[in-house]
Every structure is written in C-alpha cells, then in structure tokens.
Amino acid sequence: MSPAKPSQSRAKPSAKAADPAGETRDRVLMAQIGAAHGIKGEVRVKPFGEDPLALGSYGPLETQDGSRRFEVETLRAQKAMLIVRFKGVGDRNAAEALNGINLFLSRDVLPEPEDEDTFYQADLIGLEVVDVQGNALGGVVSVQDFGAGDLLEIASKGGRSFYIPFTLEVVPEIDLEAGRVVVDPPEGLMADAERDKAEARAEQQALERTEQEASQGREA
C-alpha cells in the first residue's frame, strides 16, 4: 500500500497538499467530505492521498476531536473526487449534514513510505529546524503548496513564519528520530528569520532590564 497522505517528496513534489489544520504528529488528515451526491446518502469526498481508493482500507475514519467515526461502506472514483457511502448515512439530508467534515486516521495505522526521501506531513510537523551550522531557526508548522512546489512553513524563534522550498538542495537532511530538519536555504530567504532573531533578542533584553529595575526598586 502506498502512503495515504500526500507524502512530501523532496525529489518529486507531490500533488497539492491539504490544509493541515488539526493534523499532529499522531493524526493524519485523510480526506474532507463535500456535498451530497444523489438522494441515497452518498457524498463527494476530496481525498488527500496518493492512492484515493485505499481510503476505506485503513479502518474507521474520525473527526478532528475523535467524537465521531465514519466507516466506508462503498466508494468509487469520479475524476479527482470520490463518491462515498458511509455506514449509517442513508438519505440526502443525512449526507448534507456531513459537508465540510475533515476525516483523520491515527498515524500508526498507515504504512511507512517506501522512498527514503518521502515523508508524511504529520511526521514533519513539529520538527526543530536548524541551519547547516547548527543554529536553531524555529520549527516546522505546516507543509504548503501554492502552485510552485512544496514549501515548509517554519515558525521562527521570534514568532513569525517564513517558507523554504522543500527540495534536496534546500533541505539536505531530515532526521525523524532526532526530531530535526537541517536546511541550507539561499541567503535572501533568511532575511526575515534573522530579523526575527534580532527582535527576539531585543525583547528578551528589554524584559531582563525591566525585571532588574523592578527588583532594584523592591530592594530600595
């Protein structure tokens, strides 16, 4: 079985990624339910995997908070979408009530990617990001594709986010066990990150001065 989430290959960028809202290292966003299809309870579903027809082979899908479970009864492909009937959904009204629900799976039920340069988005989110000199730059918060290839969104130490291309040249090393991504981006891409680091240092120094002045005031 191939990975069911759009794996982020640095050698071969995958199809456009889903909005990762709600996804964590332990939960993978698999699909989103769309409009009702027909009058017998079927719905249109947007899959986010390399093998859309495998959606029903991993067991029940869950909502983001885990409060509802959906078991695929039947599914078939229709262009880039799936037409799915979920167990217990028998009419159009029930199907329409599901519109917009995101469907998740536990990461541990999914197969490991066969390609060493292919990764589930869930495995990348939360990894520490360092440059080739070992300087901490922030952490991965999402993987995006705005049409020109996959991008890692990195939240810097100063709180701002910036993007780097998810390619072998820019991201030469990913160590999932160590929880670390090594990046070597072009110098211009790091301008915002360097500014954030300077601002963070200035804010920390200002806070330390304020605390020191307050302490001196109490002693006086």
N, C-alpha and C. Protein backbone atom coordinates (compact mmCIF):
# COMPACT_ATOMS: atom_id res chain seq x y z
N MET A 1 0.85 -1.19 0.00
CA MET A 1 0.00 0.00 0.00
C MET A 1 0.88 1.24 0.00
N SER A 2 0.49 2.24 -0.76
CA SER A 2 1.25 3.48 -0.78
C SER A 2 0.73 4.42 0.29
N PRO A 3 1.53 5.41 0.70
CA PRO A 3 1.08 6.35 1.72
C PRO A 3 -0.23 6.99 1.34
N ALA A 4 -1.13 7.10 2.30
CA ALA A 4 -2.45 7.63 2.02
C ALA A 4 -2.53 9.13 2.14
N LYS A 5 -1.52 9.75 2.74
CA LYS A 5 -1.46 11.21 2.83
C LYS A 5 -0.49 11.69 1.78
N PRO A 6 -0.69 12.89 1.22
CA PRO A 6 0.25 13.33 0.20
C PRO A 6 1.64 13.43 0.78
N SER A 7 2.46 12.43 0.55
CA SER A 7 3.81 12.40 1.07
C SER A 7 4.62 13.52 0.45
N GLN A 8 5.47 14.13 1.25
CA GLN A 8 6.25 15.25 0.74
C GLN A 8 7.60 14.76 0.27
N SER A 9 7.74 14.50 -1.02
CA SER A 9 8.99 14.02 -1.58
C SER A 9 9.84 15.18 -2.01
N ARG A 10 11.08 15.23 -1.53
CA ARG A 10 11.95 16.33 -1.91
C ARG A 10 12.45 16.17 -3.34
N ALA A 11 12.41 14.96 -3.86
CA ALA A 11 12.85 14.74 -5.23
C ALA A 11 11.71 14.93 -6.22
N LYS A 12 10.52 14.51 -5.83
CA LYS A 12 9.36 14.58 -6.70
C LYS A 12 8.20 15.21 -5.93
N PRO A 13 8.01 16.53 -6.03
CA PRO A 13 6.92 17.17 -5.31
C PRO A 13 5.59 16.50 -5.63
N SER A 14 4.78 16.29 -4.59
CA SER A 14 3.52 15.60 -4.76
C SER A 14 2.42 16.57 -5.15
N ALA A 15 1.21 16.03 -5.25
CA ALA A 15 0.06 16.87 -5.54
C ALA A 15 -0.15 17.87 -4.42
N LYS A 16 -0.94 18.89 -4.70
CA LYS A 16 -1.15 19.96 -3.74
C LYS A 16 -1.63 19.41 -2.41
N ALA A 17 -1.02 19.88 -1.35
CA ALA A 17 -1.32 19.37 -0.02
C ALA A 17 -2.61 19.95 0.52
N ALA A 18 -3.17 19.24 1.48
CA ALA A 18 -4.38 19.72 2.14
C ALA A 18 -4.02 20.75 3.19
N ASP A 19 -5.04 21.51 3.59
CA ASP A 19 -4.87 22.38 4.74
C ASP A 19 -4.60 21.50 5.94
N PRO A 20 -3.47 21.67 6.62
CA PRO A 20 -3.11 20.75 7.69
C PRO A 20 -3.77 21.05 9.02
N ALA A 21 -4.78 21.92 9.05
CA ALA A 21 -5.41 22.27 10.31
C ALA A 21 -5.90 21.02 11.03
N GLY A 22 -5.51 20.90 12.29
CA GLY A 22 -5.94 19.76 13.08
C GLY A 22 -5.00 18.58 13.01
N GLU A 23 -4.05 18.61 12.09
CA GLU A 23 -3.13 17.49 11.95
C GLU A 23 -1.99 17.62 12.96
N THR A 24 -1.59 16.50 13.55
CA THR A 24 -0.50 16.47 14.51
C THR A 24 0.43 15.34 14.14
N ARG A 25 1.49 15.13 14.96
CA ARG A 25 2.41 14.03 14.70
C ARG A 25 1.71 12.68 14.82
N ASP A 26 0.58 12.62 15.54
CA ASP A 26 -0.11 11.35 15.76
C ASP A 26 -1.36 11.18 14.92
N ARG A 27 -1.80 12.24 14.25
CA ARG A 27 -3.04 12.18 13.48
C ARG A 27 -2.79 12.72 12.08
N VAL A 28 -3.33 12.02 11.09
CA VAL A 28 -3.12 12.39 9.69
C VAL A 28 -4.46 12.72 9.03
N LEU A 29 -4.51 13.88 8.40
CA LEU A 29 -5.70 14.29 7.67
C LEU A 29 -5.79 13.49 6.37
N MET A 30 -6.87 12.72 6.21
CA MET A 30 -7.01 11.81 5.08
C MET A 30 -7.91 12.35 3.97
N ALA A 31 -8.97 13.06 4.35
CA ALA A 31 -9.95 13.48 3.35
C ALA A 31 -10.88 14.52 3.95
N GLN A 32 -11.64 15.17 3.07
CA GLN A 32 -12.66 16.12 3.50
C GLN A 32 -13.96 15.81 2.79
N ILE A 33 -15.03 15.72 3.56
CA ILE A 33 -16.35 15.44 2.99
C ILE A 33 -16.90 16.70 2.34
N GLY A 34 -17.46 16.53 1.14
CA GLY A 34 -18.05 17.65 0.42
C GLY A 34 -19.56 17.52 0.34
N ALA A 35 -20.11 17.93 -0.78
CA ALA A 35 -21.56 17.99 -0.95
C ALA A 35 -22.16 16.59 -1.10
N ALA A 36 -23.46 16.52 -0.83
CA ALA A 36 -24.19 15.27 -1.04
C ALA A 36 -24.23 14.94 -2.53
N HIS A 37 -24.29 13.64 -2.82
CA HIS A 37 -24.34 13.17 -4.21
C HIS A 37 -25.55 12.26 -4.35
N GLY A 38 -26.54 12.73 -5.09
CA GLY A 38 -27.75 11.93 -5.25
C GLY A 38 -28.64 11.99 -4.02
N ILE A 39 -29.56 11.03 -3.93
CA ILE A 39 -30.56 11.05 -2.86
C ILE A 39 -30.45 9.86 -1.90
N LYS A 40 -29.42 9.03 -2.09
CA LYS A 40 -29.35 7.80 -1.30
C LYS A 40 -28.27 7.83 -0.21
N GLY A 41 -27.78 9.02 0.12
CA GLY A 41 -26.84 9.14 1.23
C GLY A 41 -25.38 9.21 0.83
N GLU A 42 -25.09 9.18 -0.45
CA GLU A 42 -23.69 9.28 -0.88
C GLU A 42 -23.21 10.72 -0.78
N VAL A 43 -21.89 10.87 -0.61
CA VAL A 43 -21.28 12.21 -0.55
C VAL A 43 -20.06 12.25 -1.44
N ARG A 44 -19.72 13.46 -1.87
CA ARG A 44 -18.46 13.67 -2.58
C ARG A 44 -17.37 13.87 -1.53
N VAL A 45 -16.23 13.24 -1.73
CA VAL A 45 -15.13 13.31 -0.77
C VAL A 45 -13.85 13.68 -1.51
N LYS A 46 -13.13 14.65 -0.96
CA LYS A 46 -11.83 15.04 -1.52
C LYS A 46 -10.74 14.28 -0.78
N PRO A 47 -10.07 13.34 -1.44
CA PRO A 47 -9.01 12.57 -0.75
C PRO A 47 -7.68 13.32 -0.81
N PHE A 48 -6.83 13.09 0.18
CA PHE A 48 -5.53 13.73 0.23
C PHE A 48 -4.40 12.71 0.16
N GLY A 49 -4.63 11.61 -0.52
CA GLY A 49 -3.63 10.57 -0.57
C GLY A 49 -3.18 10.24 -1.97
N GLU A 50 -2.07 9.52 -2.07
CA GLU A 50 -1.56 9.09 -3.36
C GLU A 50 -2.42 7.99 -3.96
N ASP A 51 -3.12 7.23 -3.11
CA ASP A 51 -3.99 6.15 -3.56
C ASP A 51 -5.39 6.40 -3.01
N PRO A 52 -6.19 7.24 -3.67
CA PRO A 52 -7.50 7.61 -3.13
C PRO A 52 -8.41 6.42 -2.82
N LEU A 53 -8.35 5.38 -3.65
CA LEU A 53 -9.24 4.24 -3.45
C LEU A 53 -8.87 3.41 -2.23
N ALA A 54 -7.73 3.70 -1.62
CA ALA A 54 -7.35 3.00 -0.39
C ALA A 54 -7.98 3.62 0.85
N LEU A 55 -8.76 4.69 0.67
CA LEU A 55 -9.31 5.41 1.81
C LEU A 55 -10.09 4.51 2.75
N GLY A 56 -10.80 3.53 2.20
CA GLY A 56 -11.62 2.68 3.05
C GLY A 56 -10.92 1.46 3.60
N SER A 57 -9.62 1.32 3.33
CA SER A 57 -8.92 0.09 3.71
C SER A 57 -8.19 0.17 5.04
N TYR A 58 -8.21 1.34 5.68
CA TYR A 58 -7.45 1.51 6.92
C TYR A 58 -8.30 1.43 8.18
N GLY A 59 -9.60 1.22 8.01
CA GLY A 59 -10.49 1.18 9.16
C GLY A 59 -11.28 2.47 9.28
N PRO A 60 -12.07 2.61 10.35
CA PRO A 60 -12.92 3.79 10.51
C PRO A 60 -12.12 5.09 10.56
N LEU A 61 -12.66 6.11 9.92
CA LEU A 61 -12.09 7.45 9.95
C LEU A 61 -12.75 8.23 11.08
N GLU A 62 -12.06 9.27 11.56
CA GLU A 62 -12.57 10.03 12.70
C GLU A 62 -12.58 11.52 12.41
N THR A 63 -13.44 12.24 13.14
CA THR A 63 -13.40 13.69 13.09
C THR A 63 -12.17 14.18 13.86
N GLN A 64 -11.91 15.47 13.76
CA GLN A 64 -10.71 16.03 14.38
C GLN A 64 -10.64 15.77 15.87
N ASP A 65 -11.79 15.88 16.56
CA ASP A 65 -11.79 15.68 18.01
C ASP A 65 -12.03 14.23 18.41
N GLY A 66 -12.20 13.35 17.42
CA GLY A 66 -12.41 11.94 17.72
C GLY A 66 -13.79 11.59 18.21
N SER A 67 -14.71 12.54 18.18
CA SER A 67 -16.05 12.30 18.74
C SER A 67 -16.95 11.51 17.80
N ARG A 68 -16.62 11.49 16.50
CA ARG A 68 -17.44 10.76 15.53
C ARG A 68 -16.54 9.88 14.67
N ARG A 69 -17.07 8.71 14.31
CA ARG A 69 -16.32 7.78 13.46
C ARG A 69 -17.15 7.47 12.22
N PHE A 70 -16.45 7.28 11.10
CA PHE A 70 -17.11 7.03 9.83
C PHE A 70 -16.50 5.79 9.18
N GLU A 71 -17.35 4.82 8.92
CA GLU A 71 -16.90 3.59 8.27
C GLU A 71 -17.34 3.62 6.80
N VAL A 72 -16.38 3.47 5.91
CA VAL A 72 -16.68 3.50 4.48
C VAL A 72 -17.39 2.21 4.09
N GLU A 73 -18.57 2.37 3.51
CA GLU A 73 -19.35 1.21 3.06
C GLU A 73 -19.08 0.92 1.59
N THR A 74 -19.12 1.96 0.76
CA THR A 74 -18.77 1.83 -0.66
C THR A 74 -18.06 3.11 -1.09
N LEU A 75 -17.22 3.01 -2.11
CA LEU A 75 -16.62 4.20 -2.69
C LEU A 75 -16.22 3.92 -4.13
N ARG A 76 -16.20 4.96 -4.91
CA ARG A 76 -15.77 4.87 -6.30
C ARG A 76 -15.19 6.21 -6.71
N ALA A 77 -14.32 6.18 -7.68
CA ALA A 77 -13.66 7.40 -8.13
C ALA A 77 -14.54 8.15 -9.12
N GLN A 78 -14.48 9.47 -9.04
CA GLN A 78 -15.14 10.33 -10.02
C GLN A 78 -14.22 11.52 -10.26
N LYS A 79 -13.40 11.41 -11.31
CA LYS A 79 -12.35 12.39 -11.60
C LYS A 79 -11.43 12.51 -10.39
N ALA A 80 -11.26 13.72 -9.85
CA ALA A 80 -10.33 13.90 -8.72
C ALA A 80 -11.00 13.67 -7.38
N MET A 81 -12.27 13.31 -7.39
CA MET A 81 -13.03 13.12 -6.15
C MET A 81 -13.40 11.65 -5.98
N LEU A 82 -13.92 11.34 -4.80
CA LEU A 82 -14.51 10.03 -4.53
C LEU A 82 -15.99 10.21 -4.25
N ILE A 83 -16.78 9.23 -4.65
CA ILE A 83 -18.18 9.16 -4.24
C ILE A 83 -18.26 8.07 -3.18
N VAL A 84 -18.64 8.46 -1.97
CA VAL A 84 -18.55 7.56 -0.83
C VAL A 84 -19.91 7.44 -0.14
N ARG A 85 -20.21 6.21 0.27
CA ARG A 85 -21.34 5.99 1.16
C ARG A 85 -20.78 5.52 2.50
N PHE A 86 -21.11 6.27 3.55
CA PHE A 86 -20.69 5.89 4.89
C PHE A 86 -21.79 5.09 5.58
N LYS A 87 -21.37 4.12 6.36
CA LYS A 87 -22.32 3.28 7.07
C LYS A 87 -23.22 4.13 7.96
N GLY A 88 -24.53 3.90 7.86
CA GLY A 88 -25.49 4.62 8.68
C GLY A 88 -26.00 5.91 8.07
N VAL A 89 -25.47 6.30 6.91
CA VAL A 89 -25.93 7.52 6.22
C VAL A 89 -26.78 7.07 5.04
N GLY A 90 -28.11 7.21 5.17
CA GLY A 90 -28.99 6.58 4.20
C GLY A 90 -29.80 7.50 3.32
N ASP A 91 -29.73 8.82 3.54
CA ASP A 91 -30.51 9.72 2.70
C ASP A 91 -29.76 11.03 2.48
N ARG A 92 -30.31 11.85 1.61
CA ARG A 92 -29.62 13.09 1.24
C ARG A 92 -29.50 14.06 2.41
N ASN A 93 -30.53 14.14 3.25
CA ASN A 93 -30.47 15.06 4.39
C ASN A 93 -29.30 14.71 5.31
N ALA A 94 -29.14 13.42 5.59
CA ALA A 94 -28.04 12.99 6.45
C ALA A 94 -26.70 13.26 5.78
N ALA A 95 -26.65 13.07 4.46
CA ALA A 95 -25.41 13.31 3.73
C ALA A 95 -25.05 14.79 3.73
N GLU A 96 -26.04 15.66 3.55
CA GLU A 96 -25.77 17.10 3.52
C GLU A 96 -25.23 17.60 4.86
N ALA A 97 -25.61 16.95 5.95
CA ALA A 97 -25.16 17.38 7.28
C ALA A 97 -23.67 17.11 7.49
N LEU A 98 -23.06 16.32 6.62
CA LEU A 98 -21.64 15.97 6.78
C LEU A 98 -20.71 16.92 6.02
N ASN A 99 -21.28 17.80 5.23
CA ASN A 99 -20.47 18.66 4.36
C ASN A 99 -19.44 19.46 5.17
N GLY A 100 -18.17 19.38 4.76
CA GLY A 100 -17.11 20.15 5.39
C GLY A 100 -16.34 19.43 6.48
N ILE A 101 -16.75 18.23 6.84
CA ILE A 101 -16.07 17.50 7.92
C ILE A 101 -14.74 16.94 7.41
N ASN A 102 -13.68 17.18 8.17
CA ASN A 102 -12.37 16.60 7.87
C ASN A 102 -12.26 15.23 8.53
N LEU A 103 -11.64 14.30 7.82
CA LEU A 103 -11.52 12.92 8.30
C LEU A 103 -10.06 12.57 8.57
N PHE A 104 -9.80 11.99 9.73
CA PHE A 104 -8.45 11.71 10.17
C PHE A 104 -8.26 10.22 10.46
N LEU A 105 -6.99 9.81 10.46
CA LEU A 105 -6.59 8.48 10.91
C LEU A 105 -5.42 8.61 11.86
N SER A 106 -5.29 7.65 12.75
CA SER A 106 -4.11 7.59 13.59
C SER A 106 -2.90 7.27 12.72
N ARG A 107 -1.80 7.96 12.96
CA ARG A 107 -0.59 7.78 12.15
C ARG A 107 -0.11 6.33 12.17
N ASP A 108 -0.29 5.62 13.29
CA ASP A 108 0.30 4.29 13.42
C ASP A 108 -0.41 3.22 12.59
N VAL A 109 -1.55 3.53 11.97
CA VAL A 109 -2.21 2.53 11.13
C VAL A 109 -1.79 2.66 9.67
N LEU A 110 -1.01 3.68 9.35
CA LEU A 110 -0.61 3.92 7.97
C LEU A 110 0.74 3.26 7.66
N PRO A 111 0.94 2.81 6.43
CA PRO A 111 2.21 2.18 6.07
C PRO A 111 3.34 3.19 6.01
N GLU A 112 4.54 2.73 6.25
CA GLU A 112 5.70 3.60 6.15
C GLU A 112 6.02 3.85 4.67
N PRO A 113 6.40 5.09 4.31
CA PRO A 113 6.78 5.36 2.93
C PRO A 113 7.95 4.48 2.51
N GLU A 114 7.90 4.00 1.28
CA GLU A 114 8.97 3.13 0.79
C GLU A 114 10.20 3.92 0.36
N ASP A 115 10.00 5.16 -0.09
CA ASP A 115 11.09 6.01 -0.56
C ASP A 115 11.67 6.77 0.63
N GLU A 116 12.99 6.73 0.82
CA GLU A 116 13.61 7.40 1.96
C GLU A 116 13.51 8.91 1.89
N ASP A 117 13.20 9.46 0.72
CA ASP A 117 13.04 10.90 0.58
C ASP A 117 11.57 11.30 0.50
N THR A 118 10.70 10.46 1.02
CA THR A 118 9.27 10.74 1.05
C THR A 118 8.79 10.69 2.49
N PHE A 119 7.93 11.66 2.86
CA PHE A 119 7.52 11.78 4.25
C PHE A 119 6.05 12.15 4.34
N TYR A 120 5.39 11.67 5.37
CA TYR A 120 4.05 12.15 5.68
C TYR A 120 4.17 13.55 6.27
N GLN A 121 3.21 14.41 5.94
CA GLN A 121 3.21 15.74 6.54
C GLN A 121 3.20 15.66 8.06
N ALA A 122 2.43 14.72 8.59
CA ALA A 122 2.33 14.60 10.05
C ALA A 122 3.68 14.32 10.69
N ASP A 123 4.58 13.65 9.96
CA ASP A 123 5.90 13.35 10.52
C ASP A 123 6.81 14.57 10.53
N LEU A 124 6.50 15.56 9.70
CA LEU A 124 7.35 16.74 9.60
C LEU A 124 6.93 17.85 10.57
N ILE A 125 5.64 17.93 10.84
CA ILE A 125 5.14 19.00 11.70
C ILE A 125 5.71 18.85 13.11
N GLY A 126 6.25 19.95 13.61
CA GLY A 126 6.82 19.95 14.95
C GLY A 126 8.31 19.71 15.01
N LEU A 127 8.93 19.34 13.88
CA LEU A 127 10.37 19.11 13.89
C LEU A 127 11.13 20.42 14.09
N GLU A 128 12.23 20.35 14.84
CA GLU A 128 13.11 21.51 15.00
C GLU A 128 13.85 21.76 13.69
N VAL A 129 14.05 23.02 13.36
CA VAL A 129 14.76 23.40 12.14
C VAL A 129 16.06 24.09 12.51
N VAL A 130 17.18 23.58 11.97
CA VAL A 130 18.49 24.19 12.19
C VAL A 130 19.16 24.39 10.84
N ASP A 131 20.10 25.35 10.78
CA ASP A 131 20.85 25.51 9.55
C ASP A 131 22.06 24.58 9.55
N VAL A 132 22.85 24.61 8.48
CA VAL A 132 23.95 23.66 8.35
C VAL A 132 25.04 23.90 9.38
N GLN A 133 25.04 25.08 10.02
CA GLN A 133 26.00 25.35 11.09
C GLN A 133 25.46 24.93 12.46
N GLY A 134 24.20 24.46 12.49
CA GLY A 134 23.62 24.01 13.74
C GLY A 134 22.85 25.07 14.49
N ASN A 135 22.67 26.26 13.90
CA ASN A 135 21.92 27.33 14.55
C ASN A 135 20.43 27.06 14.47
N ALA A 136 19.73 27.19 15.59
CA ALA A 136 18.29 26.94 15.63
C ALA A 136 17.54 28.06 14.91
N LEU A 137 16.64 27.68 14.01
CA LEU A 137 15.87 28.66 13.24
C LEU A 137 14.40 28.68 13.63
N GLY A 138 13.90 27.59 14.22
CA GLY A 138 12.49 27.52 14.57
C GLY A 138 11.98 26.10 14.46
N GLY A 139 10.71 25.96 14.06
CA GLY A 139 10.11 24.64 13.94
C GLY A 139 9.15 24.58 12.76
N VAL A 140 8.96 23.39 12.21
CA VAL A 140 8.04 23.19 11.09
C VAL A 140 6.60 23.22 11.61
N VAL A 141 5.78 24.07 11.02
CA VAL A 141 4.38 24.16 11.45
C VAL A 141 3.41 23.65 10.37
N SER A 142 3.85 23.60 9.11
CA SER A 142 2.97 23.07 8.06
C SER A 142 3.78 22.82 6.80
N VAL A 143 3.16 22.10 5.87
CA VAL A 143 3.71 21.91 4.53
C VAL A 143 2.66 22.44 3.57
N GLN A 144 3.05 23.37 2.71
CA GLN A 144 2.11 24.02 1.82
C GLN A 144 2.55 23.88 0.37
N ASP A 145 1.60 24.06 -0.54
CA ASP A 145 1.89 24.12 -1.97
C ASP A 145 0.97 25.15 -2.58
N PHE A 146 1.53 26.29 -2.97
CA PHE A 146 0.73 27.36 -3.56
C PHE A 146 0.80 27.33 -5.08
N GLY A 147 1.27 26.21 -5.63
CA GLY A 147 1.28 26.05 -7.07
C GLY A 147 2.66 25.90 -7.68
N ALA A 148 3.70 26.21 -6.93
CA ALA A 148 5.06 26.14 -7.48
C ALA A 148 5.91 25.08 -6.81
N GLY A 149 5.29 24.16 -6.10
CA GLY A 149 6.04 23.11 -5.41
C GLY A 149 5.87 23.20 -3.91
N ASP A 150 6.26 22.13 -3.22
CA ASP A 150 6.07 22.06 -1.78
C ASP A 150 6.98 23.02 -1.04
N LEU A 151 6.43 23.60 0.04
CA LEU A 151 7.15 24.54 0.88
C LEU A 151 7.00 24.12 2.34
N LEU A 152 8.08 24.24 3.10
CA LEU A 152 7.99 24.08 4.55
C LEU A 152 7.71 25.44 5.16
N GLU A 153 6.68 25.51 5.99
CA GLU A 153 6.43 26.73 6.75
C GLU A 153 7.12 26.58 8.10
N ILE A 154 7.98 27.53 8.41
CA ILE A 154 8.78 27.47 9.63
C ILE A 154 8.42 28.65 10.52
N ALA A 155 8.05 28.36 11.76
CA ALA A 155 7.81 29.41 12.74
C ALA A 155 9.13 29.72 13.41
N SER A 156 9.60 30.95 13.25
CA SER A 156 10.90 31.34 13.79
C SER A 156 10.81 31.57 15.29
N LYS A 157 11.97 31.72 15.92
CA LYS A 157 12.02 31.96 17.36
C LYS A 157 11.33 33.26 17.74
N GLY A 158 11.29 34.22 16.79
CA GLY A 158 10.64 35.49 17.07
C GLY A 158 9.14 35.46 16.90
N GLY A 159 8.59 34.33 16.43
CA GLY A 159 7.15 34.19 16.30
C GLY A 159 6.62 34.32 14.89
N ARG A 160 7.42 34.88 13.97
CA ARG A 160 6.97 35.00 12.60
C ARG A 160 7.23 33.71 11.83
N SER A 161 6.50 33.55 10.72
CA SER A 161 6.69 32.37 9.88
C SER A 161 7.34 32.76 8.56
N PHE A 162 8.11 31.83 8.01
CA PHE A 162 8.66 32.01 6.68
C PHE A 162 8.67 30.66 5.98
N TYR A 163 8.82 30.69 4.67
CA TYR A 163 8.74 29.47 3.86
C TYR A 163 10.07 29.19 3.18
N ILE A 164 10.39 27.89 3.06
CA ILE A 164 11.55 27.48 2.28
C ILE A 164 11.13 26.35 1.35
N PRO A 165 11.72 26.26 0.16
CA PRO A 165 11.38 25.18 -0.77
C PRO A 165 11.75 23.82 -0.16
N PHE A 166 10.86 22.86 -0.33
CA PHE A 166 11.12 21.52 0.20
C PHE A 166 11.79 20.70 -0.88
N THR A 167 13.09 20.95 -1.07
CA THR A 167 13.89 20.26 -2.08
C THR A 167 15.14 19.70 -1.42
N LEU A 168 15.80 18.78 -2.11
CA LEU A 168 17.02 18.20 -1.58
C LEU A 168 18.12 19.24 -1.40
N GLU A 169 18.15 20.23 -2.28
CA GLU A 169 19.18 21.26 -2.18
C GLU A 169 19.00 22.13 -0.95
N VAL A 170 17.76 22.48 -0.65
CA VAL A 170 17.49 23.39 0.47
C VAL A 170 17.29 22.64 1.78
N VAL A 171 16.80 21.41 1.70
CA VAL A 171 16.58 20.59 2.90
C VAL A 171 17.40 19.30 2.74
N PRO A 172 18.71 19.37 3.00
CA PRO A 172 19.56 18.21 2.74
C PRO A 172 19.42 17.07 3.73
N GLU A 173 18.84 17.33 4.91
CA GLU A 173 18.79 16.28 5.93
C GLU A 173 17.51 16.37 6.74
N ILE A 174 16.85 15.22 6.91
CA ILE A 174 15.69 15.10 7.79
C ILE A 174 15.93 13.90 8.69
N ASP A 175 15.97 14.13 9.99
CA ASP A 175 16.21 13.07 10.96
C ASP A 175 14.98 12.98 11.86
N LEU A 176 14.07 12.06 11.52
CA LEU A 176 12.83 11.96 12.28
C LEU A 176 13.09 11.49 13.71
N GLU A 177 14.05 10.59 13.89
CA GLU A 177 14.33 10.09 15.23
C GLU A 177 14.86 11.20 16.14
N ALA A 178 15.69 12.06 15.58
CA ALA A 178 16.24 13.17 16.36
C ALA A 178 15.28 14.35 16.42
N GLY A 179 14.21 14.31 15.59
CA GLY A 179 13.25 15.41 15.58
C GLY A 179 13.82 16.68 14.99
N ARG A 180 14.62 16.54 13.92
CA ARG A 180 15.35 17.70 13.41
C ARG A 180 15.37 17.73 11.89
N VAL A 181 15.29 18.94 11.35
CA VAL A 181 15.44 19.19 9.93
C VAL A 181 16.62 20.15 9.74
N VAL A 182 17.54 19.79 8.85
CA VAL A 182 18.67 20.66 8.53
C VAL A 182 18.38 21.35 7.21
N VAL A 183 18.50 22.68 7.18
CA VAL A 183 18.19 23.43 5.97
C VAL A 183 19.40 24.25 5.55
N ASP A 184 19.49 24.47 4.25
CA ASP A 184 20.57 25.28 3.67
C ASP A 184 19.97 26.19 2.60
N PRO A 185 19.13 27.15 3.03
CA PRO A 185 18.42 27.98 2.06
C PRO A 185 19.30 29.08 1.49
N PRO A 186 18.92 29.61 0.33
CA PRO A 186 19.63 30.78 -0.19
C PRO A 186 19.61 31.91 0.82
N GLU A 187 20.65 32.71 0.84
CA GLU A 187 20.81 33.73 1.88
C GLU A 187 19.63 34.68 1.96
N GLY A 188 19.06 35.04 0.83
CA GLY A 188 17.96 36.00 0.83
C GLY A 188 16.73 35.51 1.56
N LEU A 189 16.53 34.19 1.58
CA LEU A 189 15.34 33.65 2.23
C LEU A 189 15.41 33.78 3.74
N MET A 190 16.59 34.00 4.28
CA MET A 190 16.74 34.03 5.73
C MET A 190 16.68 35.43 6.31
N ALA A 191 16.42 36.43 5.48
CA ALA A 191 16.40 37.81 5.99
C ALA A 191 15.36 37.98 7.09
N ASP A 192 14.15 37.47 6.85
CA ASP A 192 13.10 37.61 7.86
C ASP A 192 13.46 36.86 9.14
N ALA A 193 14.05 35.67 8.98
CA ALA A 193 14.41 34.88 10.16
C ALA A 193 15.46 35.60 10.98
N GLU A 194 16.45 36.20 10.31
CA GLU A 194 17.49 36.92 11.04
C GLU A 194 16.90 38.14 11.75
N ARG A 195 15.97 38.83 11.10
CA ARG A 195 15.33 39.97 11.74
C ARG A 195 14.53 39.54 12.95
N ASP A 196 13.84 38.41 12.83
CA ASP A 196 13.07 37.89 13.97
C ASP A 196 13.98 37.55 15.14
N LYS A 197 15.14 36.94 14.84
CA LYS A 197 16.07 36.59 15.90
C LYS A 197 16.57 37.84 16.62
N ALA A 198 16.86 38.90 15.85
CA ALA A 198 17.33 40.14 16.45
C ALA A 198 16.24 40.76 17.31
N GLU A 199 14.99 40.74 16.81
CA GLU A 199 13.89 41.29 17.58
C GLU A 199 13.64 40.49 18.85
N ALA A 200 13.76 39.17 18.74
CA ALA A 200 13.56 38.32 19.91
C ALA A 200 14.62 38.60 20.97
N ARG A 201 15.88 38.78 20.52
CA ARG A 201 16.95 39.10 21.47
C ARG A 201 16.70 40.45 22.13
N ALA A 202 16.25 41.44 21.33
CA ALA A 202 15.98 42.77 21.88
C ALA A 202 14.84 42.71 22.90
N GLU A 203 13.79 41.94 22.59
CA GLU A 203 12.67 41.81 23.52
C GLU A 203 13.10 41.13 24.81
N GLN A 204 13.95 40.11 24.69
CA GLN A 204 14.43 39.41 25.87
C GLN A 204 15.29 40.33 26.73
N GLN A 205 16.14 41.11 26.09
CA GLN A 205 16.99 42.04 26.83
C GLN A 205 16.15 43.11 27.53
N ALA A 206 15.11 43.60 26.84
CA ALA A 206 14.24 44.60 27.45
C ALA A 206 13.50 44.02 28.65
N LEU A 207 13.06 42.77 28.53
CA LEU A 207 12.38 42.11 29.64
C LEU A 207 13.32 41.94 30.82
N GLU A 208 14.56 41.55 30.54
CA GLU A 208 15.53 41.38 31.62
C GLU A 208 15.81 42.70 32.32
N ARG A 209 15.91 43.80 31.53
CA ARG A 209 16.14 45.11 32.14
C ARG A 209 14.96 45.52 33.03
N THR A 210 13.75 45.25 32.54
CA THR A 210 12.56 45.60 33.32
C THR A 210 12.52 44.83 34.63
N GLU A 211 12.83 43.53 34.55
CA GLU A 211 12.83 42.71 35.76
C GLU A 211 13.91 43.17 36.73
N GLN A 212 15.07 43.55 36.18
CA GLN A 212 16.16 44.01 37.03
C GLN A 212 15.80 45.32 37.72
N GLU A 213 15.18 46.24 36.98
CA GLU A 213 14.77 47.52 37.57
C GLU A 213 13.71 47.32 38.64
N ALA A 214 12.77 46.38 38.37
CA ALA A 214 11.73 46.11 39.35
C ALA A 214 12.33 45.52 40.62
N SER A 215 13.32 44.65 40.45
CA SER A 215 13.98 44.03 41.60
C SER A 215 14.73 45.07 42.42
N GLN A 216 15.41 45.99 41.73
CA GLN A 216 16.14 47.05 42.43
C GLN A 216 15.18 47.97 43.17
N GLY A 217 14.00 48.21 42.57
CA GLY A 217 13.01 49.07 43.22
C GLY A 217 12.49 48.44 44.49
N ARG A 218 12.28 47.12 44.48
CA ARG A 218 11.80 46.45 45.69
C ARG A 218 12.85 46.48 46.79
N GLU A 219 14.13 46.33 46.39
CA GLU A 219 15.21 46.34 47.38
C GLU A 219 15.36 47.71 48.02
N ALA A 220 15.11 48.77 47.21
CA ALA A 220 15.22 50.13 47.75
C ALA A 220 14.08 50.41 48.73
